[in-house]
Protein backbone atom coordinates (compact mmCIF):
# COMPACT_ATOMS: atom_id res chain seq x y z
CA UNK A 1 0.00 0.00 0.00
CA UNK A 2 1.62 3.16 -1.19
CA UNK A 3 1.44 6.49 0.60
CA UNK A 4 -0.44 8.06 -2.28
CA UNK A 5 -3.21 5.47 -1.88
CA UNK A 6 -4.14 6.79 1.57
CA UNK A 7 -6.38 9.66 0.58
CA UNK A 8 -9.61 10.76 2.24
CA UNK A 9 -11.78 8.49 0.10
CA UNK A 10 -9.73 5.38 0.92
CA UNK A 11 -9.62 6.18 4.63
CA UNK A 12 -13.38 6.66 4.61
CA UNK A 13 -13.86 3.30 2.88
CA UNK A 14 -11.60 1.54 5.37
CA UNK A 15 -13.50 3.10 8.26
CA UNK A 16 -16.81 1.80 6.96
CA UNK A 17 -15.49 -1.60 5.92
CA UNK A 18 -13.41 -2.34 9.02
CA UNK A 19 -15.98 -4.84 10.30
CA UNK A 20 -15.58 -6.92 7.14
CA UNK A 21 -11.89 -7.67 7.67
CA UNK A 22 -10.68 -10.81 9.40
CA UNK A 23 -9.67 -9.97 12.94
CA UNK A 24 -6.11 -11.22 12.32
CA UNK A 25 -5.70 -8.76 9.42
CA UNK A 26 -6.97 -5.70 11.31
CA UNK A 27 -3.80 -5.10 13.30
CA UNK A 28 -1.69 -5.06 10.14
CA UNK A 29 -4.14 -2.76 8.35
CA UNK A 30 -4.38 -0.27 11.21
CA UNK A 31 -0.61 -0.26 11.77
CA UNK A 32 -0.06 0.34 8.06
CA UNK A 33 -2.46 3.28 8.07
CA UNK A 34 -0.81 4.80 11.16
CA UNK A 35 2.68 4.46 9.71
CA UNK A 36 1.75 5.84 6.30
CA UNK A 37 -0.39 8.73 7.55
CA UNK A 38 1.75 9.76 10.52
CA UNK A 39 4.91 10.07 8.41
CA UNK A 40 3.52 12.65 6.04
CA UNK A 41 1.85 16.01 6.31
CA UNK A 42 -1.83 15.26 6.85
CA UNK A 43 -4.86 17.51 6.86
CA UNK A 44 -7.22 17.70 9.82
CA UNK A 45 -10.04 15.73 8.18
CA UNK A 46 -7.70 12.82 7.37
CA UNK A 47 -6.51 12.81 10.97
CA UNK A 48 -10.13 12.70 12.14
CA UNK A 49 -10.74 9.68 9.91
CA UNK A 50 -7.63 7.96 11.30
CA UNK A 51 -8.86 8.65 14.85
CA UNK A 52 -12.27 7.17 13.96
CA UNK A 53 -10.54 4.11 12.48
CA UNK A 54 -8.54 3.72 15.71
CA UNK A 55 -11.69 3.94 17.84
CA UNK A 56 -13.55 1.45 15.69
CA UNK A 57 -10.55 -0.89 15.78
CA UNK A 58 -10.52 -0.71 19.58
CA UNK A 59 -14.25 -1.48 19.69
CA UNK A 60 -13.70 -4.51 17.46
CA UNK A 61 -10.80 -5.68 19.66
CA UNK A 62 -12.94 -5.31 22.78
CA UNK A 63 -15.86 -7.14 21.15
CA UNK A 64 -13.56 -9.94 19.94
CA UNK A 65 -12.00 -10.31 23.39
CA UNK A 66 -15.44 -10.61 24.98
CA UNK A 67 -16.56 -13.29 22.52
CA UNK A 68 -13.39 -15.34 23.12
CA UNK A 69 -13.96 -15.54 26.89
PDB file of N, CA and C in Angstrom:
ATOM      1  N   UNK A   1       0.835  -1.177   0.000  1.00  0.00           N
ATOM      2  CA  UNK A   1       0.000   0.000   0.000  1.00  0.00           C
ATOM      3  C   UNK A   1       0.881   1.240   0.000  1.00  0.00           C
ATOM      4  N   UNK A   2       0.794   1.975  -1.048  1.00  0.00           N
ATOM      5  CA  UNK A   2       1.619   3.158  -1.192  1.00  0.00           C
ATOM      6  C   UNK A   2       1.023   4.347  -0.451  1.00  0.00           C
ATOM      7  N   UNK A   3       1.898   5.283  -0.103  1.00  0.00           N
ATOM      8  CA  UNK A   3       1.436   6.485   0.602  1.00  0.00           C
ATOM      9  C   UNK A   3       0.368   7.227  -0.180  1.00  0.00           C
ATOM     10  N   UNK A   4       0.522   7.289  -1.485  1.00  0.00           N
ATOM     11  CA  UNK A   4      -0.438   8.058  -2.275  1.00  0.00           C
ATOM     12  C   UNK A   4      -1.821   7.400  -2.315  1.00  0.00           C
ATOM     13  N   UNK A   5      -1.913   6.139  -1.926  1.00  0.00           N
ATOM     14  CA  UNK A   5      -3.211   5.471  -1.885  1.00  0.00           C
ATOM     15  C   UNK A   5      -4.031   5.854  -0.662  1.00  0.00           C
ATOM     16  N   UNK A   6      -3.421   6.465   0.331  1.00  0.00           N
ATOM     17  CA  UNK A   6      -4.135   6.790   1.566  1.00  0.00           C
ATOM     18  C   UNK A   6      -4.678   8.208   1.492  1.00  0.00           C
ATOM     19  N   UNK A   7      -5.698   8.373   0.672  1.00  0.00           N
ATOM     20  CA  UNK A   7      -6.378   9.659   0.580  1.00  0.00           C
ATOM     21  C   UNK A   7      -7.660   9.597   1.401  1.00  0.00           C
ATOM     22  N   UNK A   8      -8.392  10.678   1.426  1.00  0.00           N
ATOM     23  CA  UNK A   8      -9.609  10.763   2.241  1.00  0.00           C
ATOM     24  C   UNK A   8     -10.620   9.689   1.842  1.00  0.00           C
ATOM     25  N   UNK A   9     -10.793   9.471   0.562  1.00  0.00           N
ATOM     26  CA  UNK A   9     -11.776   8.489   0.104  1.00  0.00           C
ATOM     27  C   UNK A   9     -11.426   7.086   0.583  1.00  0.00           C
ATOM     28  N   UNK A  10     -10.150   6.714   0.488  1.00  0.00           N
ATOM     29  CA  UNK A  10      -9.731   5.381   0.916  1.00  0.00           C
ATOM     30  C   UNK A  10      -9.826   5.210   2.426  1.00  0.00           C
ATOM     31  N   UNK A  11      -9.483   6.252   3.174  1.00  0.00           N
ATOM     32  CA  UNK A  11      -9.621   6.177   4.633  1.00  0.00           C
ATOM     33  C   UNK A  11     -11.084   6.034   5.020  1.00  0.00           C
ATOM     34  N   UNK A  12     -11.956   6.750   4.343  1.00  0.00           N
ATOM     35  CA  UNK A  12     -13.380   6.665   4.612  1.00  0.00           C
ATOM     36  C   UNK A  12     -13.894   5.252   4.328  1.00  0.00           C
ATOM     37  N   UNK A  13     -13.459   4.669   3.213  1.00  0.00           N
ATOM     38  CA  UNK A  13     -13.862   3.296   2.881  1.00  0.00           C
ATOM     39  C   UNK A  13     -13.383   2.301   3.928  1.00  0.00           C
ATOM     40  N   UNK A  14     -12.135   2.440   4.341  1.00  0.00           N
ATOM     41  CA  UNK A  14     -11.597   1.539   5.368  1.00  0.00           C
ATOM     42  C   UNK A  14     -12.416   1.661   6.649  1.00  0.00           C
ATOM     43  N   UNK A  15     -12.716   2.881   7.051  1.00  0.00           N
ATOM     44  CA  UNK A  15     -13.502   3.102   8.259  1.00  0.00           C
ATOM     45  C   UNK A  15     -14.820   2.344   8.206  1.00  0.00           C
ATOM     46  N   UNK A  16     -15.497   2.407   7.072  1.00  0.00           N
ATOM     47  CA  UNK A  16     -16.813   1.800   6.963  1.00  0.00           C
ATOM     48  C   UNK A  16     -16.772   0.320   6.619  1.00  0.00           C
ATOM     49  N   UNK A  17     -15.614  -0.181   6.248  1.00  0.00           N
ATOM     50  CA  UNK A  17     -15.487  -1.600   5.923  1.00  0.00           C
ATOM     51  C   UNK A  17     -14.670  -2.371   6.965  1.00  0.00           C
ATOM     52  N   UNK A  18     -14.273  -1.721   8.020  1.00  0.00           N
ATOM     53  CA  UNK A  18     -13.408  -2.343   9.018  1.00  0.00           C
ATOM     54  C   UNK A  18     -14.010  -3.627   9.582  1.00  0.00           C
ATOM     55  N   UNK A  19     -15.317  -3.657   9.746  1.00  0.00           N
ATOM     56  CA  UNK A  19     -15.983  -4.837  10.296  1.00  0.00           C
ATOM     57  C   UNK A  19     -15.900  -6.048   9.370  1.00  0.00           C
ATOM     58  N   UNK A  20     -15.613  -5.833   8.108  1.00  0.00           N
ATOM     59  CA  UNK A  20     -15.579  -6.924   7.137  1.00  0.00           C
ATOM     60  C   UNK A  20     -14.242  -7.654   7.104  1.00  0.00           C
ATOM     61  N   UNK A  21     -13.216  -7.053   7.676  1.00  0.00           N
ATOM     62  CA  UNK A  21     -11.894  -7.667   7.673  1.00  0.00           C
ATOM     63  C   UNK A  21     -11.814  -8.780   8.702  1.00  0.00           C
ATOM     64  N   UNK A  22     -10.992  -9.775   8.417  1.00  0.00           N
ATOM     65  CA  UNK A  22     -10.685 -10.811   9.401  1.00  0.00           C
ATOM     66  C   UNK A  22      -9.966 -10.148  10.561  1.00  0.00           C
ATOM     67  N   UNK A  23     -10.261 -10.594  11.764  1.00  0.00           N
ATOM     68  CA  UNK A  23      -9.673  -9.974  12.942  1.00  0.00           C
ATOM     69  C   UNK A  23      -8.140 -10.005  12.884  1.00  0.00           C
ATOM     70  N   UNK A  24      -7.574 -11.084  12.391  1.00  0.00           N
ATOM     71  CA  UNK A  24      -6.111 -11.216  12.320  1.00  0.00           C
ATOM     72  C   UNK A  24      -5.487 -10.174  11.390  1.00  0.00           C
ATOM     73  N   UNK A  25      -6.223  -9.726  10.384  1.00  0.00           N
ATOM     74  CA  UNK A  25      -5.700  -8.756   9.422  1.00  0.00           C
ATOM     75  C   UNK A  25      -5.851  -7.305   9.884  1.00  0.00           C
ATOM     76  N   UNK A  26      -6.704  -7.076  10.869  1.00  0.00           N
ATOM     77  CA  UNK A  26      -6.974  -5.704  11.306  1.00  0.00           C
ATOM     78  C   UNK A  26      -5.741  -5.014  11.863  1.00  0.00           C
ATOM     79  N   UNK A  27      -4.984  -5.716  12.691  1.00  0.00           N
ATOM     80  CA  UNK A  27      -3.798  -5.101  13.296  1.00  0.00           C
ATOM     81  C   UNK A  27      -2.840  -4.608  12.215  1.00  0.00           C
ATOM     82  N   UNK A  28      -2.605  -5.427  11.227  1.00  0.00           N
ATOM     83  CA  UNK A  28      -1.694  -5.061  10.135  1.00  0.00           C
ATOM     84  C   UNK A  28      -2.233  -3.850   9.373  1.00  0.00           C
ATOM     85  N   UNK A  29      -3.527  -3.864   9.082  1.00  0.00           N
ATOM     86  CA  UNK A  29      -4.139  -2.758   8.350  1.00  0.00           C
ATOM     87  C   UNK A  29      -4.036  -1.448   9.128  1.00  0.00           C
ATOM     88  N   UNK A  30      -4.411  -1.479  10.392  1.00  0.00           N
ATOM     89  CA  UNK A  30      -4.384  -0.265  11.215  1.00  0.00           C
ATOM     90  C   UNK A  30      -2.952   0.228  11.396  1.00  0.00           C
ATOM     91  N   UNK A  31      -2.011  -0.674  11.642  1.00  0.00           N
ATOM     92  CA  UNK A  31      -0.606  -0.260  11.771  1.00  0.00           C
ATOM     93  C   UNK A  31      -0.101   0.362  10.480  1.00  0.00           C
ATOM     94  N   UNK A  32      -0.474  -0.205   9.356  1.00  0.00           N
ATOM     95  CA  UNK A  32      -0.062   0.344   8.059  1.00  0.00           C
ATOM     96  C   UNK A  32      -0.596   1.756   7.875  1.00  0.00           C
ATOM     97  N   UNK A  33      -1.867   1.949   8.196  1.00  0.00           N
ATOM     98  CA  UNK A  33      -2.464   3.284   8.072  1.00  0.00           C
ATOM     99  C   UNK A  33      -1.735   4.273   8.972  1.00  0.00           C
ATOM    100  N   UNK A  34      -1.509   3.899  10.237  1.00  0.00           N
ATOM    101  CA  UNK A  34      -0.814   4.803  11.161  1.00  0.00           C
ATOM    102  C   UNK A  34       0.572   5.161  10.645  1.00  0.00           C
ATOM    103  N   UNK A  35       1.325   4.178  10.179  1.00  0.00           N
ATOM    104  CA  UNK A  35       2.684   4.455   9.708  1.00  0.00           C
ATOM    105  C   UNK A  35       2.685   5.328   8.462  1.00  0.00           C
ATOM    106  N   UNK A  36       1.785   5.066   7.545  1.00  0.00           N
ATOM    107  CA  UNK A  36       1.753   5.841   6.300  1.00  0.00           C
ATOM    108  C   UNK A  36       1.256   7.266   6.534  1.00  0.00           C
ATOM    109  N   UNK A  37       0.207   7.404   7.332  1.00  0.00           N
ATOM    110  CA  UNK A  37      -0.388   8.726   7.553  1.00  0.00           C
ATOM    111  C   UNK A  37       0.482   9.579   8.472  1.00  0.00           C
ATOM    112  N   UNK A  38       1.020   8.987   9.520  1.00  0.00           N
ATOM    113  CA  UNK A  38       1.750   9.759  10.516  1.00  0.00           C
ATOM    114  C   UNK A  38       3.106  10.252  10.007  1.00  0.00           C
ATOM    115  N   UNK A  39       3.609   9.660   8.935  1.00  0.00           N
ATOM    116  CA  UNK A  39       4.905  10.065   8.413  1.00  0.00           C
ATOM    117  C   UNK A  39       4.817  11.058   7.263  1.00  0.00           C
ATOM    118  N   UNK A  40       3.647  11.622   7.064  1.00  0.00           N
ATOM    119  CA  UNK A  40       3.516  12.649   6.040  1.00  0.00           C
ATOM    120  C   UNK A  40       2.622  13.760   6.571  1.00  0.00           C
ATOM    121  N   UNK A  41       2.679  14.876   5.923  1.00  0.00           N
ATOM    122  CA  UNK A  41       1.846  16.009   6.312  1.00  0.00           C
ATOM    123  C   UNK A  41       0.389  15.654   5.985  1.00  0.00           C
ATOM    124  N   UNK A  42      -0.459  15.709   7.004  1.00  0.00           N
ATOM    125  CA  UNK A  42      -1.834  15.257   6.846  1.00  0.00           C
ATOM    126  C   UNK A  42      -2.798  16.347   7.274  1.00  0.00           C
ATOM    127  N   UNK A  43      -3.864  16.494   6.518  1.00  0.00           N
ATOM    128  CA  UNK A  43      -4.863  17.505   6.856  1.00  0.00           C
ATOM    129  C   UNK A  43      -5.714  17.034   8.045  1.00  0.00           C
ATOM    130  N   UNK A  44      -6.443  17.974   8.613  1.00  0.00           N
ATOM    131  CA  UNK A  44      -7.223  17.701   9.821  1.00  0.00           C
ATOM    132  C   UNK A  44      -8.309  16.648   9.586  1.00  0.00           C
ATOM    133  N   UNK A  45      -8.977  16.692   8.458  1.00  0.00           N
ATOM    134  CA  UNK A  45     -10.041  15.727   8.179  1.00  0.00           C
ATOM    135  C   UNK A  45      -9.486  14.301   8.083  1.00  0.00           C
ATOM    136  N   UNK A  46      -8.327  14.143   7.448  1.00  0.00           N
ATOM    137  CA  UNK A  46      -7.700  12.818   7.367  1.00  0.00           C
ATOM    138  C   UNK A  46      -7.339  12.314   8.757  1.00  0.00           C
ATOM    139  N   UNK A  47      -6.846  13.210   9.598  1.00  0.00           N
ATOM    140  CA  UNK A  47      -6.505  12.811  10.970  1.00  0.00           C
ATOM    141  C   UNK A  47      -7.762  12.411  11.742  1.00  0.00           C
ATOM    142  N   UNK A  48      -8.873  13.077  11.496  1.00  0.00           N
ATOM    143  CA  UNK A  48     -10.131  12.698  12.143  1.00  0.00           C
ATOM    144  C   UNK A  48     -10.567  11.305  11.693  1.00  0.00           C
ATOM    145  N   UNK A  49     -10.404  11.011  10.418  1.00  0.00           N
ATOM    146  CA  UNK A  49     -10.738   9.679   9.911  1.00  0.00           C
ATOM    147  C   UNK A  49      -9.843   8.614  10.540  1.00  0.00           C
ATOM    148  N   UNK A  50      -8.551   8.913  10.664  1.00  0.00           N
ATOM    149  CA  UNK A  50      -7.630   7.963  11.301  1.00  0.00           C
ATOM    150  C   UNK A  50      -8.022   7.737  12.762  1.00  0.00           C
ATOM    151  N   UNK A  51      -8.417   8.794  13.451  1.00  0.00           N
ATOM    152  CA  UNK A  51      -8.862   8.655  14.845  1.00  0.00           C
ATOM    153  C   UNK A  51     -10.120   7.794  14.915  1.00  0.00           C
ATOM    154  N   UNK A  52     -11.058   7.981  13.980  1.00  0.00           N
ATOM    155  CA  UNK A  52     -12.266   7.166  13.956  1.00  0.00           C
ATOM    156  C   UNK A  52     -11.945   5.704  13.651  1.00  0.00           C
ATOM    157  N   UNK A  53     -10.979   5.475  12.774  1.00  0.00           N
ATOM    158  CA  UNK A  53     -10.536   4.108  12.482  1.00  0.00           C
ATOM    159  C   UNK A  53      -9.954   3.476  13.744  1.00  0.00           C
ATOM    160  N   UNK A  54      -9.148   4.235  14.477  1.00  0.00           N
ATOM    161  CA  UNK A  54      -8.542   3.721  15.708  1.00  0.00           C
ATOM    162  C   UNK A  54      -9.618   3.358  16.732  1.00  0.00           C
ATOM    163  N   UNK A  55     -10.606   4.213  16.891  1.00  0.00           N
ATOM    164  CA  UNK A  55     -11.690   3.940  17.837  1.00  0.00           C
ATOM    165  C   UNK A  55     -12.496   2.706  17.425  1.00  0.00           C
ATOM    166  N   UNK A  56     -12.795   2.613  16.161  1.00  0.00           N
ATOM    167  CA  UNK A  56     -13.555   1.453  15.690  1.00  0.00           C
ATOM    168  C   UNK A  56     -12.735   0.177  15.853  1.00  0.00           C
ATOM    169  N   UNK A  57     -11.445   0.255  15.597  1.00  0.00           N
ATOM    170  CA  UNK A  57     -10.555  -0.891  15.784  1.00  0.00           C
ATOM    171  C   UNK A  57     -10.556  -1.333  17.252  1.00  0.00           C
ATOM    172  N   UNK A  58     -10.492  -0.376  18.163  1.00  0.00           N
ATOM    173  CA  UNK A  58     -10.517  -0.710  19.584  1.00  0.00           C
ATOM    174  C   UNK A  58     -11.845  -1.359  19.978  1.00  0.00           C
ATOM    175  N   UNK A  59     -12.946  -0.868  19.425  1.00  0.00           N
ATOM    176  CA  UNK A  59     -14.253  -1.479  19.694  1.00  0.00           C
ATOM    177  C   UNK A  59     -14.296  -2.920  19.199  1.00  0.00           C
ATOM    178  N   UNK A  60     -13.739  -3.164  18.016  1.00  0.00           N
ATOM    179  CA  UNK A  60     -13.701  -4.514  17.460  1.00  0.00           C
ATOM    180  C   UNK A  60     -12.820  -5.414  18.331  1.00  0.00           C
ATOM    181  N   UNK A  61     -11.689  -4.899  18.780  1.00  0.00           N
ATOM    182  CA  UNK A  61     -10.802  -5.676  19.659  1.00  0.00           C
ATOM    183  C   UNK A  61     -11.522  -6.035  20.959  1.00  0.00           C
ATOM    184  N   UNK A  62     -12.215  -5.066  21.536  1.00  0.00           N
ATOM    185  CA  UNK A  62     -12.945  -5.312  22.776  1.00  0.00           C
ATOM    186  C   UNK A  62     -14.053  -6.342  22.554  1.00  0.00           C
ATOM    187  N   UNK A  63     -14.786  -6.196  21.468  1.00  0.00           N
ATOM    188  CA  UNK A  63     -15.860  -7.141  21.155  1.00  0.00           C
ATOM    189  C   UNK A  63     -15.296  -8.544  20.937  1.00  0.00           C
ATOM    190  N   UNK A  64     -14.186  -8.639  20.220  1.00  0.00           N
ATOM    191  CA  UNK A  64     -13.563  -9.940  19.939  1.00  0.00           C
ATOM    192  C   UNK A  64     -13.059 -10.574  21.228  1.00  0.00           C
ATOM    193  N   UNK A  65     -12.496  -9.787  22.109  1.00  0.00           N
ATOM    194  CA  UNK A  65     -12.000 -10.308  23.387  1.00  0.00           C
ATOM    195  C   UNK A  65     -13.162 -10.841  24.223  1.00  0.00           C
ATOM    196  N   UNK A  66     -14.274 -10.162  24.209  1.00  0.00           N
ATOM    197  CA  UNK A  66     -15.436 -10.608  24.978  1.00  0.00           C
ATOM    198  C   UNK A  66     -16.071 -11.863  24.413  1.00  0.00           C
ATOM    199  N   UNK A  67     -15.971 -12.086  23.113  1.00  0.00           N
ATOM    200  CA  UNK A  67     -16.555 -13.290  22.525  1.00  0.00           C
ATOM    201  C   UNK A  67     -15.630 -14.488  22.689  1.00  0.00           C
ATOM    202  N   UNK A  68     -14.333 -14.247  22.911  1.00  0.00           N
ATOM    203  CA  UNK A  68     -13.388 -15.340  23.116  1.00  0.00           C
ATOM    204  C   UNK A  68     -13.571 -15.921  24.514  1.00  0.00           C
ATOM    205  N   UNK A  69     -13.823 -15.078  25.499  1.00  0.00           N
ATOM    206  CA  UNK A  69     -13.957 -15.536  26.894  1.00  0.00           C
ATOM    207  C   UNK A  69     -15.222 -16.326  27.110  1.00  0.00           C
TER     208      UNK A  69
END
